[in-house]
Amino acid sequence: MTDTRQEHLRDVYGASDLEELRRGYAAWAEQYDRDVMAMGYQTPGIVAGMMGRHVPPSQSPVLDCGAGTGLVGLLLAGLGYEDIAALDMSEDMLVVAQARGCYGDVRRGVLGEALDYADGAFAAVVASGVFTVGHAPASAYDEIVRILQRGGIFIVSERVDGDANAAYRARRDELEQGGRWRFVDQSELLTIFPLEPAEAELRHRVFVYQRN
């Protein structure tokens, strides 16, 4: 990994608050896609694949939550999904995403805060690489449930090496036990950046839930 990529990763995953996180992504926005693709970033493709498995393209609208530069949106558009909205906390990343032409509604919003969408606004919500420490609290899952239609599908990646997803797993389980959603599917364990040996310990799994 180049020193520049190391610096960007350190800046965004070591950010102490949202403003520091925004600055990190603002500095990385133009180079982000080249850097993560050079490392073989797997998660967007698996998230999109789970959409293809569980949500017909005729069901809409779809929210790409934590859309970043739009890598997932591009894949979903290629699979035939047309009514896709984008949400991200970084205006600079959203500028790149919007330029791709695969999103209709594009909004800035912060996971962990109230989202500017009506109850039951979406047939599906996808979240790739955003439910991680420093980016979104586990409590943000409650807003996802609120904006999903009954029977709607939520597809989310979580980092699962060590105890990285303990709080997220606990909240997912609480929502299932409370009858808010039900577990549907999960991926195999993924090495997030398989082409970058220095990051080989970073693992993700993609989970699928359906709102009750």
N, C-alpha and C. Protein backbone atom coordinates (compact mmCIF):
# COMPACT_ATOMS: atom_id res chain seq x y z
N MET A 1 0.84 -1.19 0.00
CA MET A 1 0.00 0.00 0.00
C MET A 1 0.88 1.24 0.00
N THR A 2 0.53 2.22 -0.77
CA THR A 2 1.31 3.45 -0.80
C THR A 2 1.14 4.20 0.50
N ASP A 3 2.09 5.08 0.78
CA ASP A 3 2.00 5.91 1.98
C ASP A 3 0.74 6.77 1.95
N THR A 4 0.36 7.25 0.77
CA THR A 4 -0.84 8.08 0.65
C THR A 4 -2.07 7.30 1.07
N ARG A 5 -2.21 6.07 0.62
CA ARG A 5 -3.36 5.26 1.01
C ARG A 5 -3.36 5.00 2.50
N GLN A 6 -2.20 4.74 3.05
CA GLN A 6 -2.09 4.52 4.49
C GLN A 6 -2.55 5.76 5.26
N GLU A 7 -2.15 6.91 4.77
CA GLU A 7 -2.55 8.15 5.44
C GLU A 7 -4.06 8.35 5.38
N HIS A 8 -4.66 8.10 4.21
CA HIS A 8 -6.11 8.28 4.08
C HIS A 8 -6.87 7.30 4.95
N LEU A 9 -6.45 6.04 4.96
CA LEU A 9 -7.11 5.06 5.81
C LEU A 9 -7.00 5.43 7.28
N ARG A 10 -5.83 5.87 7.67
CA ARG A 10 -5.64 6.27 9.06
C ARG A 10 -6.51 7.47 9.41
N ASP A 11 -6.63 8.40 8.48
CA ASP A 11 -7.41 9.61 8.74
C ASP A 11 -8.89 9.31 8.92
N VAL A 12 -9.45 8.42 8.09
CA VAL A 12 -10.89 8.18 8.18
C VAL A 12 -11.25 7.17 9.27
N TYR A 13 -10.43 6.14 9.44
CA TYR A 13 -10.77 5.14 10.46
C TYR A 13 -10.24 5.50 11.84
N GLY A 14 -9.40 6.52 11.90
CA GLY A 14 -8.93 6.99 13.20
C GLY A 14 -9.52 8.32 13.60
N ALA A 15 -10.51 8.81 12.83
CA ALA A 15 -11.13 10.12 13.12
C ALA A 15 -11.77 10.11 14.50
N SER A 16 -11.60 11.20 15.23
CA SER A 16 -12.12 11.29 16.59
C SER A 16 -13.52 11.89 16.64
N ASP A 17 -13.96 12.55 15.57
CA ASP A 17 -15.30 13.11 15.53
C ASP A 17 -15.74 13.26 14.06
N LEU A 18 -17.00 13.68 13.87
CA LEU A 18 -17.54 13.75 12.51
C LEU A 18 -16.84 14.79 11.65
N GLU A 19 -16.44 15.89 12.25
CA GLU A 19 -15.76 16.92 11.46
C GLU A 19 -14.41 16.41 10.96
N GLU A 20 -13.69 15.70 11.79
CA GLU A 20 -12.42 15.12 11.36
C GLU A 20 -12.66 14.06 10.28
N LEU A 21 -13.75 13.31 10.43
CA LEU A 21 -14.09 12.30 9.43
C LEU A 21 -14.42 12.96 8.09
N ARG A 22 -15.20 14.05 8.12
CA ARG A 22 -15.52 14.78 6.89
C ARG A 22 -14.25 15.27 6.20
N ARG A 23 -13.33 15.81 6.97
CA ARG A 23 -12.08 16.31 6.38
C ARG A 23 -11.30 15.17 5.74
N GLY A 24 -11.30 14.02 6.41
CA GLY A 24 -10.59 12.87 5.87
C GLY A 24 -11.15 12.42 4.53
N TYR A 25 -12.47 12.37 4.43
CA TYR A 25 -13.09 11.95 3.18
C TYR A 25 -13.00 13.03 2.11
N ALA A 26 -13.03 14.29 2.52
CA ALA A 26 -12.87 15.37 1.55
C ALA A 26 -11.51 15.28 0.86
N ALA A 27 -10.49 14.96 1.64
CA ALA A 27 -9.14 14.86 1.08
C ALA A 27 -8.96 13.62 0.22
N TRP A 28 -9.79 12.61 0.45
CA TRP A 28 -9.63 11.32 -0.23
C TRP A 28 -10.58 11.16 -1.42
N ALA A 29 -11.61 11.98 -1.52
CA ALA A 29 -12.72 11.74 -2.45
C ALA A 29 -12.26 11.46 -3.89
N GLU A 30 -11.37 12.27 -4.42
CA GLU A 30 -10.99 12.13 -5.83
C GLU A 30 -10.18 10.87 -6.08
N GLN A 31 -9.44 10.40 -5.09
CA GLN A 31 -8.55 9.25 -5.26
C GLN A 31 -9.13 7.97 -4.67
N TYR A 32 -10.24 8.08 -3.97
CA TYR A 32 -10.79 6.96 -3.18
C TYR A 32 -10.99 5.71 -4.03
N ASP A 33 -11.70 5.83 -5.15
CA ASP A 33 -12.01 4.65 -5.97
C ASP A 33 -10.75 3.95 -6.44
N ARG A 34 -9.78 4.71 -6.91
CA ARG A 34 -8.53 4.11 -7.41
C ARG A 34 -7.83 3.35 -6.29
N ASP A 35 -7.81 3.93 -5.10
CA ASP A 35 -7.11 3.30 -3.98
C ASP A 35 -7.78 2.01 -3.55
N VAL A 36 -9.10 2.05 -3.32
CA VAL A 36 -9.76 0.84 -2.79
C VAL A 36 -9.85 -0.26 -3.86
N MET A 37 -10.02 0.13 -5.12
CA MET A 37 -10.07 -0.89 -6.16
C MET A 37 -8.70 -1.53 -6.37
N ALA A 38 -7.65 -0.76 -6.20
CA ALA A 38 -6.30 -1.32 -6.31
C ALA A 38 -6.05 -2.36 -5.22
N MET A 39 -6.77 -2.25 -4.12
CA MET A 39 -6.64 -3.21 -3.02
C MET A 39 -7.62 -4.38 -3.17
N GLY A 40 -8.44 -4.36 -4.23
CA GLY A 40 -9.37 -5.46 -4.48
C GLY A 40 -10.62 -5.41 -3.64
N TYR A 41 -11.06 -4.22 -3.29
CA TYR A 41 -12.20 -4.02 -2.38
C TYR A 41 -13.40 -4.88 -2.79
N GLN A 42 -13.77 -5.85 -1.95
CA GLN A 42 -14.79 -6.83 -2.30
C GLN A 42 -16.21 -6.46 -1.89
N THR A 43 -16.34 -5.67 -0.84
CA THR A 43 -17.64 -5.53 -0.19
C THR A 43 -18.74 -4.98 -1.10
N PRO A 44 -18.51 -3.93 -1.91
CA PRO A 44 -19.59 -3.44 -2.75
C PRO A 44 -20.17 -4.50 -3.68
N GLY A 45 -19.33 -5.34 -4.23
CA GLY A 45 -19.81 -6.38 -5.14
C GLY A 45 -20.67 -7.42 -4.44
N ILE A 46 -20.31 -7.77 -3.21
CA ILE A 46 -21.09 -8.76 -2.47
C ILE A 46 -22.42 -8.15 -2.04
N VAL A 47 -22.42 -6.89 -1.62
CA VAL A 47 -23.67 -6.21 -1.27
C VAL A 47 -24.61 -6.17 -2.47
N ALA A 48 -24.08 -5.79 -3.63
CA ALA A 48 -24.90 -5.76 -4.84
C ALA A 48 -25.38 -7.15 -5.21
N GLY A 49 -24.54 -8.15 -5.03
CA GLY A 49 -24.95 -9.52 -5.32
C GLY A 49 -26.08 -9.99 -4.43
N MET A 50 -26.05 -9.59 -3.15
CA MET A 50 -27.14 -9.94 -2.24
C MET A 50 -28.43 -9.24 -2.66
N MET A 51 -28.33 -8.02 -3.18
CA MET A 51 -29.51 -7.35 -3.71
C MET A 51 -30.11 -8.17 -4.85
N GLY A 52 -29.26 -8.60 -5.77
CA GLY A 52 -29.73 -9.39 -6.89
C GLY A 52 -30.38 -10.69 -6.44
N ARG A 53 -29.92 -11.24 -5.33
CA ARG A 53 -30.46 -12.50 -4.81
C ARG A 53 -31.83 -12.30 -4.15
N HIS A 54 -32.03 -11.16 -3.48
CA HIS A 54 -33.19 -11.00 -2.60
C HIS A 54 -34.19 -9.92 -3.01
N VAL A 55 -33.81 -9.00 -3.89
CA VAL A 55 -34.69 -7.88 -4.23
C VAL A 55 -34.79 -7.75 -5.75
N PRO A 56 -35.95 -8.02 -6.34
CA PRO A 56 -36.09 -7.84 -7.79
C PRO A 56 -35.90 -6.37 -8.17
N PRO A 57 -35.32 -6.08 -9.33
CA PRO A 57 -35.13 -4.69 -9.76
C PRO A 57 -36.43 -3.90 -9.86
N SER A 58 -37.56 -4.59 -9.96
CA SER A 58 -38.84 -3.90 -10.03
C SER A 58 -39.26 -3.27 -8.71
N GLN A 59 -38.65 -3.71 -7.60
CA GLN A 59 -39.00 -3.16 -6.29
C GLN A 59 -38.18 -1.89 -6.05
N SER A 60 -38.83 -0.82 -5.72
CA SER A 60 -38.15 0.46 -5.53
C SER A 60 -38.99 1.35 -4.62
N PRO A 61 -38.38 2.44 -4.14
CA PRO A 61 -36.99 2.86 -4.36
C PRO A 61 -36.01 2.14 -3.44
N VAL A 62 -34.73 2.30 -3.76
CA VAL A 62 -33.63 1.72 -3.00
C VAL A 62 -32.77 2.85 -2.46
N LEU A 63 -32.34 2.74 -1.21
CA LEU A 63 -31.43 3.72 -0.62
C LEU A 63 -30.05 3.11 -0.47
N ASP A 64 -29.05 3.77 -1.04
CA ASP A 64 -27.64 3.43 -0.82
C ASP A 64 -27.18 4.31 0.34
N CYS A 65 -27.12 3.70 1.50
CA CYS A 65 -26.88 4.42 2.76
C CYS A 65 -25.38 4.41 3.06
N GLY A 66 -24.78 5.59 3.13
CA GLY A 66 -23.32 5.66 3.18
C GLY A 66 -22.76 5.40 1.80
N ALA A 67 -23.34 6.08 0.82
CA ALA A 67 -23.04 5.79 -0.59
C ALA A 67 -21.60 6.10 -0.98
N GLY A 68 -20.96 7.03 -0.26
CA GLY A 68 -19.60 7.38 -0.64
C GLY A 68 -19.52 7.90 -2.06
N THR A 69 -18.61 7.32 -2.83
CA THR A 69 -18.42 7.75 -4.23
C THR A 69 -19.34 7.03 -5.20
N GLY A 70 -20.21 6.16 -4.69
CA GLY A 70 -21.19 5.52 -5.56
C GLY A 70 -20.79 4.19 -6.15
N LEU A 71 -19.85 3.49 -5.55
CA LEU A 71 -19.43 2.20 -6.10
C LEU A 71 -20.59 1.20 -6.10
N VAL A 72 -21.38 1.18 -5.03
CA VAL A 72 -22.52 0.26 -4.98
C VAL A 72 -23.60 0.68 -5.97
N GLY A 73 -23.85 1.98 -6.06
CA GLY A 73 -24.86 2.47 -6.99
C GLY A 73 -24.56 2.07 -8.43
N LEU A 74 -23.32 2.14 -8.83
CA LEU A 74 -22.93 1.73 -10.18
C LEU A 74 -23.27 0.26 -10.43
N LEU A 75 -22.98 -0.58 -9.43
CA LEU A 75 -23.26 -2.00 -9.57
C LEU A 75 -24.76 -2.27 -9.61
N LEU A 76 -25.51 -1.58 -8.76
CA LEU A 76 -26.96 -1.77 -8.76
C LEU A 76 -27.58 -1.33 -10.08
N ALA A 77 -27.11 -0.21 -10.61
CA ALA A 77 -27.61 0.25 -11.90
C ALA A 77 -27.32 -0.77 -12.98
N GLY A 78 -26.14 -1.38 -12.94
CA GLY A 78 -25.79 -2.40 -13.91
C GLY A 78 -26.65 -3.65 -13.80
N LEU A 79 -27.24 -3.88 -12.62
CA LEU A 79 -28.12 -5.02 -12.41
C LEU A 79 -29.57 -4.69 -12.73
N GLY A 80 -29.85 -3.45 -13.12
CA GLY A 80 -31.19 -3.08 -13.54
C GLY A 80 -32.01 -2.29 -12.55
N TYR A 81 -31.43 -1.92 -11.41
CA TYR A 81 -32.16 -1.09 -10.45
C TYR A 81 -32.11 0.36 -10.93
N GLU A 82 -33.25 1.01 -10.96
CA GLU A 82 -33.33 2.34 -11.57
C GLU A 82 -33.58 3.46 -10.57
N ASP A 83 -34.40 3.23 -9.56
CA ASP A 83 -34.78 4.27 -8.61
C ASP A 83 -33.91 4.14 -7.37
N ILE A 84 -32.70 4.72 -7.43
CA ILE A 84 -31.72 4.59 -6.36
C ILE A 84 -31.43 5.97 -5.78
N ALA A 85 -31.51 6.07 -4.46
CA ALA A 85 -31.16 7.30 -3.75
C ALA A 85 -29.83 7.11 -3.05
N ALA A 86 -29.13 8.20 -2.81
CA ALA A 86 -27.83 8.16 -2.14
C ALA A 86 -27.85 9.03 -0.89
N LEU A 87 -27.28 8.51 0.18
CA LEU A 87 -27.12 9.25 1.43
C LEU A 87 -25.68 9.10 1.90
N ASP A 88 -25.06 10.20 2.28
CA ASP A 88 -23.71 10.14 2.85
C ASP A 88 -23.47 11.39 3.67
N MET A 89 -22.54 11.29 4.62
CA MET A 89 -22.23 12.46 5.45
C MET A 89 -21.21 13.38 4.80
N SER A 90 -20.55 12.91 3.74
CA SER A 90 -19.49 13.69 3.09
C SER A 90 -19.99 14.33 1.80
N GLU A 91 -20.07 15.63 1.76
CA GLU A 91 -20.49 16.32 0.54
C GLU A 91 -19.52 16.07 -0.60
N ASP A 92 -18.24 15.97 -0.28
CA ASP A 92 -17.23 15.76 -1.33
C ASP A 92 -17.37 14.38 -1.97
N MET A 93 -17.66 13.38 -1.17
CA MET A 93 -17.88 12.04 -1.73
C MET A 93 -19.17 12.01 -2.55
N LEU A 94 -20.20 12.71 -2.09
CA LEU A 94 -21.46 12.75 -2.82
C LEU A 94 -21.34 13.45 -4.17
N VAL A 95 -20.45 14.42 -4.27
CA VAL A 95 -20.22 15.08 -5.57
C VAL A 95 -19.75 14.05 -6.58
N VAL A 96 -18.84 13.17 -6.17
CA VAL A 96 -18.35 12.12 -7.06
C VAL A 96 -19.48 11.14 -7.39
N ALA A 97 -20.25 10.76 -6.37
CA ALA A 97 -21.35 9.81 -6.58
C ALA A 97 -22.39 10.37 -7.54
N GLN A 98 -22.77 11.62 -7.37
CA GLN A 98 -23.80 12.20 -8.21
C GLN A 98 -23.37 12.27 -9.67
N ALA A 99 -22.08 12.51 -9.89
CA ALA A 99 -21.56 12.61 -11.26
C ALA A 99 -21.64 11.28 -12.01
N ARG A 100 -21.82 10.19 -11.30
CA ARG A 100 -21.90 8.88 -11.96
C ARG A 100 -23.22 8.71 -12.70
N GLY A 101 -24.24 9.45 -12.32
CA GLY A 101 -25.51 9.39 -13.03
C GLY A 101 -26.41 8.22 -12.67
N CYS A 102 -26.08 7.49 -11.61
CA CYS A 102 -26.90 6.32 -11.24
C CYS A 102 -27.88 6.62 -10.11
N TYR A 103 -27.81 7.82 -9.55
CA TYR A 103 -28.69 8.18 -8.44
C TYR A 103 -29.68 9.26 -8.86
N GLY A 104 -30.89 9.17 -8.30
CA GLY A 104 -31.85 10.24 -8.43
C GLY A 104 -31.67 11.21 -7.27
N ASP A 105 -32.31 10.92 -6.17
CA ASP A 105 -32.21 11.75 -4.97
C ASP A 105 -30.84 11.56 -4.30
N VAL A 106 -30.15 12.65 -4.02
CA VAL A 106 -28.84 12.61 -3.37
C VAL A 106 -28.89 13.56 -2.18
N ARG A 107 -28.64 13.05 -0.99
CA ARG A 107 -28.74 13.87 0.22
C ARG A 107 -27.57 13.63 1.16
N ARG A 108 -27.22 14.68 1.89
CA ARG A 108 -26.25 14.53 2.98
C ARG A 108 -27.01 14.23 4.26
N GLY A 109 -26.54 13.26 4.99
CA GLY A 109 -27.14 12.89 6.26
C GLY A 109 -26.16 12.11 7.10
N VAL A 110 -26.38 12.11 8.39
CA VAL A 110 -25.45 11.48 9.33
C VAL A 110 -26.14 10.30 10.00
N LEU A 111 -25.58 9.13 9.86
CA LEU A 111 -26.12 7.97 10.55
C LEU A 111 -25.92 8.12 12.05
N GLY A 112 -26.98 7.83 12.79
CA GLY A 112 -26.99 8.08 14.22
C GLY A 112 -27.85 9.27 14.57
N GLU A 113 -28.21 10.05 13.54
CA GLU A 113 -29.14 11.16 13.69
C GLU A 113 -30.42 10.83 12.93
N ALA A 114 -31.49 11.62 13.14
CA ALA A 114 -32.73 11.41 12.39
C ALA A 114 -32.47 11.65 10.91
N LEU A 115 -32.95 10.74 10.08
CA LEU A 115 -32.77 10.85 8.63
C LEU A 115 -33.98 11.51 8.00
N ASP A 116 -33.72 12.30 6.98
CA ASP A 116 -34.77 13.11 6.36
C ASP A 116 -35.55 12.31 5.32
N TYR A 117 -36.15 11.21 5.77
CA TYR A 117 -36.99 10.37 4.92
C TYR A 117 -38.24 10.00 5.69
N ALA A 118 -39.33 9.80 4.98
CA ALA A 118 -40.59 9.41 5.60
C ALA A 118 -40.53 7.97 6.08
N ASP A 119 -41.40 7.63 7.02
CA ASP A 119 -41.54 6.24 7.45
C ASP A 119 -41.87 5.37 6.23
N GLY A 120 -41.20 4.22 6.14
CA GLY A 120 -41.50 3.28 5.06
C GLY A 120 -41.19 3.80 3.68
N ALA A 121 -40.19 4.65 3.56
CA ALA A 121 -39.90 5.29 2.27
C ALA A 121 -39.25 4.36 1.26
N PHE A 122 -38.60 3.27 1.70
CA PHE A 122 -37.78 2.47 0.80
C PHE A 122 -38.15 0.99 0.82
N ALA A 123 -38.09 0.39 -0.36
CA ALA A 123 -38.29 -1.05 -0.49
C ALA A 123 -37.04 -1.81 -0.07
N ALA A 124 -35.89 -1.17 -0.16
CA ALA A 124 -34.63 -1.79 0.23
C ALA A 124 -33.63 -0.70 0.62
N VAL A 125 -32.77 -1.05 1.56
CA VAL A 125 -31.66 -0.18 1.96
C VAL A 125 -30.40 -1.02 1.94
N VAL A 126 -29.34 -0.50 1.33
CA VAL A 126 -28.04 -1.17 1.35
C VAL A 126 -27.04 -0.27 2.04
N ALA A 127 -26.10 -0.90 2.73
CA ALA A 127 -25.06 -0.15 3.44
C ALA A 127 -23.76 -0.93 3.35
N SER A 128 -22.83 -0.43 2.57
CA SER A 128 -21.56 -1.11 2.33
C SER A 128 -20.42 -0.36 2.98
N GLY A 129 -19.81 -0.95 3.98
CA GLY A 129 -18.61 -0.38 4.59
C GLY A 129 -18.85 0.81 5.48
N VAL A 130 -20.10 1.08 5.85
CA VAL A 130 -20.38 2.28 6.63
C VAL A 130 -20.71 1.99 8.09
N PHE A 131 -21.22 0.79 8.38
CA PHE A 131 -21.51 0.45 9.78
C PHE A 131 -20.24 -0.09 10.41
N THR A 132 -19.40 0.86 10.81
CA THR A 132 -18.12 0.56 11.42
C THR A 132 -17.81 1.65 12.44
N VAL A 133 -16.99 1.33 13.40
CA VAL A 133 -16.69 2.25 14.48
C VAL A 133 -16.17 3.58 13.94
N GLY A 134 -16.73 4.67 14.44
CA GLY A 134 -16.33 6.00 14.01
C GLY A 134 -17.15 6.54 12.87
N HIS A 135 -17.93 5.68 12.20
CA HIS A 135 -18.75 6.10 11.07
C HIS A 135 -20.24 6.12 11.40
N ALA A 136 -20.71 5.11 12.12
CA ALA A 136 -22.13 5.01 12.45
C ALA A 136 -22.28 4.21 13.73
N PRO A 137 -23.11 4.68 14.66
CA PRO A 137 -23.37 3.91 15.88
C PRO A 137 -24.37 2.79 15.62
N ALA A 138 -24.39 1.80 16.47
CA ALA A 138 -25.35 0.70 16.33
C ALA A 138 -26.79 1.19 16.41
N SER A 139 -27.01 2.28 17.14
CA SER A 139 -28.37 2.82 17.27
C SER A 139 -28.94 3.28 15.93
N ALA A 140 -28.08 3.51 14.92
CA ALA A 140 -28.55 3.94 13.61
C ALA A 140 -29.39 2.88 12.93
N TYR A 141 -29.31 1.63 13.37
CA TYR A 141 -30.15 0.59 12.81
C TYR A 141 -31.64 0.89 13.01
N ASP A 142 -31.97 1.60 14.08
CA ASP A 142 -33.37 1.90 14.36
C ASP A 142 -33.97 2.79 13.27
N GLU A 143 -33.19 3.75 12.78
CA GLU A 143 -33.68 4.61 11.70
C GLU A 143 -33.82 3.82 10.41
N ILE A 144 -32.95 2.84 10.18
CA ILE A 144 -33.08 2.01 8.99
C ILE A 144 -34.41 1.26 9.02
N VAL A 145 -34.75 0.70 10.18
CA VAL A 145 -36.03 0.01 10.31
C VAL A 145 -37.18 0.98 10.02
N ARG A 146 -37.09 2.19 10.52
CA ARG A 146 -38.18 3.16 10.35
C ARG A 146 -38.42 3.49 8.88
N ILE A 147 -37.36 3.66 8.11
CA ILE A 147 -37.53 4.11 6.73
C ILE A 147 -37.76 2.96 5.75
N LEU A 148 -37.68 1.72 6.22
CA LEU A 148 -37.97 0.57 5.38
C LEU A 148 -39.47 0.31 5.33
N GLN A 149 -39.96 -0.07 4.16
CA GLN A 149 -41.33 -0.55 4.04
C GLN A 149 -41.47 -1.88 4.77
N ARG A 150 -42.69 -2.22 5.17
CA ARG A 150 -42.92 -3.56 5.73
C ARG A 150 -42.60 -4.59 4.65
N GLY A 151 -41.81 -5.56 5.02
CA GLY A 151 -41.34 -6.54 4.05
C GLY A 151 -40.11 -6.09 3.30
N GLY A 152 -39.64 -4.85 3.56
CA GLY A 152 -38.46 -4.34 2.89
C GLY A 152 -37.19 -5.03 3.34
N ILE A 153 -36.17 -4.97 2.51
CA ILE A 153 -34.91 -5.69 2.74
C ILE A 153 -33.79 -4.71 3.10
N PHE A 154 -33.02 -5.08 4.12
CA PHE A 154 -31.83 -4.33 4.51
C PHE A 154 -30.61 -5.22 4.32
N ILE A 155 -29.63 -4.72 3.57
CA ILE A 155 -28.40 -5.45 3.30
C ILE A 155 -27.24 -4.62 3.81
N VAL A 156 -26.46 -5.19 4.73
CA VAL A 156 -25.43 -4.40 5.41
C VAL A 156 -24.15 -5.22 5.56
N SER A 157 -23.02 -4.57 5.32
CA SER A 157 -21.74 -5.20 5.60
C SER A 157 -21.24 -4.71 6.96
N GLU A 158 -20.61 -5.62 7.68
CA GLU A 158 -19.99 -5.26 8.95
C GLU A 158 -18.60 -5.89 9.01
N ARG A 159 -17.69 -5.15 9.58
CA ARG A 159 -16.38 -5.72 9.87
C ARG A 159 -16.53 -6.68 11.04
N VAL A 160 -16.01 -7.90 10.91
CA VAL A 160 -16.24 -8.92 11.92
C VAL A 160 -14.96 -9.52 12.51
N ASP A 161 -13.81 -8.99 12.17
CA ASP A 161 -12.59 -9.49 12.79
C ASP A 161 -12.53 -8.98 14.23
N GLY A 162 -12.10 -9.83 15.13
CA GLY A 162 -12.05 -9.46 16.54
C GLY A 162 -13.43 -9.14 17.08
N ASP A 163 -13.51 -8.08 17.87
CA ASP A 163 -14.80 -7.64 18.44
C ASP A 163 -15.32 -6.40 17.72
N ALA A 164 -14.90 -6.21 16.46
CA ALA A 164 -15.22 -4.97 15.76
C ALA A 164 -16.72 -4.74 15.60
N ASN A 165 -17.50 -5.82 15.53
CA ASN A 165 -18.93 -5.62 15.29
C ASN A 165 -19.80 -6.00 16.49
N ALA A 166 -19.23 -6.08 17.68
CA ALA A 166 -19.98 -6.56 18.84
C ALA A 166 -21.24 -5.73 19.09
N ALA A 167 -21.11 -4.41 19.08
CA ALA A 167 -22.26 -3.55 19.36
C ALA A 167 -23.30 -3.65 18.25
N TYR A 168 -22.84 -3.76 16.99
CA TYR A 168 -23.76 -3.88 15.86
C TYR A 168 -24.51 -5.21 15.92
N ARG A 169 -23.79 -6.27 16.22
CA ARG A 169 -24.42 -7.58 16.31
C ARG A 169 -25.48 -7.58 17.43
N ALA A 170 -25.13 -6.97 18.56
CA ALA A 170 -26.07 -6.92 19.68
C ALA A 170 -27.34 -6.16 19.31
N ARG A 171 -27.21 -5.04 18.61
CA ARG A 171 -28.40 -4.27 18.25
C ARG A 171 -29.21 -4.99 17.19
N ARG A 172 -28.56 -5.64 16.22
CA ARG A 172 -29.29 -6.43 15.24
C ARG A 172 -30.12 -7.51 15.93
N ASP A 173 -29.51 -8.18 16.90
CA ASP A 173 -30.20 -9.24 17.63
C ASP A 173 -31.38 -8.67 18.43
N GLU A 174 -31.19 -7.51 19.04
CA GLU A 174 -32.27 -6.90 19.82
C GLU A 174 -33.46 -6.56 18.92
N LEU A 175 -33.18 -6.03 17.74
CA LEU A 175 -34.25 -5.69 16.82
C LEU A 175 -34.97 -6.94 16.32
N GLU A 176 -34.23 -8.03 16.16
CA GLU A 176 -34.88 -9.27 15.74
C GLU A 176 -35.72 -9.85 16.88
N GLN A 177 -35.18 -9.85 18.07
CA GLN A 177 -35.92 -10.37 19.22
C GLN A 177 -37.16 -9.52 19.52
N GLY A 178 -37.09 -8.23 19.18
CA GLY A 178 -38.22 -7.35 19.39
C GLY A 178 -39.24 -7.39 18.27
N GLY A 179 -39.01 -8.24 17.28
CA GLY A 179 -39.97 -8.40 16.20
C GLY A 179 -39.94 -7.30 15.15
N ARG A 180 -38.88 -6.51 15.13
CA ARG A 180 -38.81 -5.40 14.17
C ARG A 180 -38.37 -5.89 12.79
N TRP A 181 -37.48 -6.86 12.74
CA TRP A 181 -37.05 -7.46 11.49
C TRP A 181 -36.65 -8.90 11.74
N ARG A 182 -36.39 -9.65 10.66
CA ARG A 182 -35.96 -11.04 10.80
C ARG A 182 -34.73 -11.27 9.93
N PHE A 183 -33.86 -12.13 10.43
CA PHE A 183 -32.66 -12.51 9.68
C PHE A 183 -33.05 -13.34 8.46
N VAL A 184 -32.42 -13.06 7.32
CA VAL A 184 -32.71 -13.76 6.07
C VAL A 184 -31.51 -14.52 5.53
N ASP A 185 -30.33 -13.88 5.53
CA ASP A 185 -29.20 -14.48 4.82
C ASP A 185 -27.91 -13.81 5.28
N GLN A 186 -26.79 -14.44 5.00
CA GLN A 186 -25.50 -13.81 5.21
C GLN A 186 -24.49 -14.38 4.23
N SER A 187 -23.46 -13.60 3.96
CA SER A 187 -22.40 -14.03 3.05
C SER A 187 -21.38 -14.89 3.77
N GLU A 188 -20.49 -15.45 3.01
CA GLU A 188 -19.30 -16.05 3.59
C GLU A 188 -18.41 -14.93 4.15
N LEU A 189 -17.42 -15.31 4.93
CA LEU A 189 -16.47 -14.34 5.47
C LEU A 189 -15.61 -13.78 4.33
N LEU A 190 -15.49 -12.45 4.28
CA LEU A 190 -14.75 -11.79 3.21
C LEU A 190 -13.47 -11.15 3.74
N THR A 191 -12.41 -11.26 2.98
CA THR A 191 -11.24 -10.41 3.21
C THR A 191 -11.52 -9.11 2.46
N ILE A 192 -11.60 -8.00 3.17
CA ILE A 192 -12.06 -6.75 2.58
C ILE A 192 -11.16 -6.33 1.42
N PHE A 193 -9.84 -6.36 1.66
CA PHE A 193 -8.87 -5.93 0.65
C PHE A 193 -7.93 -7.08 0.31
N PRO A 194 -8.36 -8.05 -0.50
CA PRO A 194 -7.56 -9.25 -0.73
C PRO A 194 -6.26 -9.02 -1.49
N LEU A 195 -6.13 -7.89 -2.17
CA LEU A 195 -4.90 -7.62 -2.91
C LEU A 195 -3.89 -6.82 -2.11
N GLU A 196 -4.20 -6.57 -0.85
CA GLU A 196 -3.30 -5.79 0.00
C GLU A 196 -2.93 -6.61 1.24
N PRO A 197 -1.79 -7.31 1.20
CA PRO A 197 -1.41 -8.18 2.32
C PRO A 197 -1.37 -7.46 3.68
N ALA A 198 -1.03 -6.18 3.67
CA ALA A 198 -0.94 -5.45 4.93
C ALA A 198 -2.29 -5.31 5.62
N GLU A 199 -3.38 -5.47 4.87
CA GLU A 199 -4.73 -5.35 5.43
C GLU A 199 -5.45 -6.69 5.49
N ALA A 200 -4.70 -7.78 5.46
CA ALA A 200 -5.31 -9.12 5.35
C ALA A 200 -6.18 -9.48 6.55
N GLU A 201 -5.96 -8.82 7.70
CA GLU A 201 -6.74 -9.18 8.88
C GLU A 201 -8.13 -8.55 8.89
N LEU A 202 -8.39 -7.61 7.98
CA LEU A 202 -9.68 -6.93 7.95
C LEU A 202 -10.71 -7.83 7.27
N ARG A 203 -11.76 -8.22 8.01
CA ARG A 203 -12.76 -9.13 7.49
C ARG A 203 -14.15 -8.52 7.59
N HIS A 204 -14.97 -8.81 6.60
CA HIS A 204 -16.37 -8.38 6.56
C HIS A 204 -17.26 -9.59 6.39
N ARG A 205 -18.51 -9.42 6.78
CA ARG A 205 -19.58 -10.33 6.40
C ARG A 205 -20.77 -9.46 6.02
N VAL A 206 -21.54 -9.88 5.04
CA VAL A 206 -22.72 -9.13 4.61
C VAL A 206 -23.96 -9.85 5.12
N PHE A 207 -24.83 -9.10 5.78
CA PHE A 207 -26.04 -9.64 6.40
C PHE A 207 -27.28 -9.10 5.69
N VAL A 208 -28.33 -9.93 5.66
CA VAL A 208 -29.59 -9.54 5.04
C VAL A 208 -30.72 -9.71 6.06
N TYR A 209 -31.51 -8.63 6.23
CA TYR A 209 -32.66 -8.66 7.13
C TYR A 209 -33.90 -8.19 6.37
N GLN A 210 -35.06 -8.67 6.82
CA GLN A 210 -36.33 -8.22 6.25
C GLN A 210 -37.19 -7.62 7.35
N ARG A 211 -37.67 -6.42 7.09
CA ARG A 211 -38.49 -5.74 8.08
C ARG A 211 -39.84 -6.43 8.24
N ASN A 212 -40.28 -6.61 9.48
CA ASN A 212 -41.59 -7.20 9.77
C ASN A 212 -42.69 -6.15 9.65
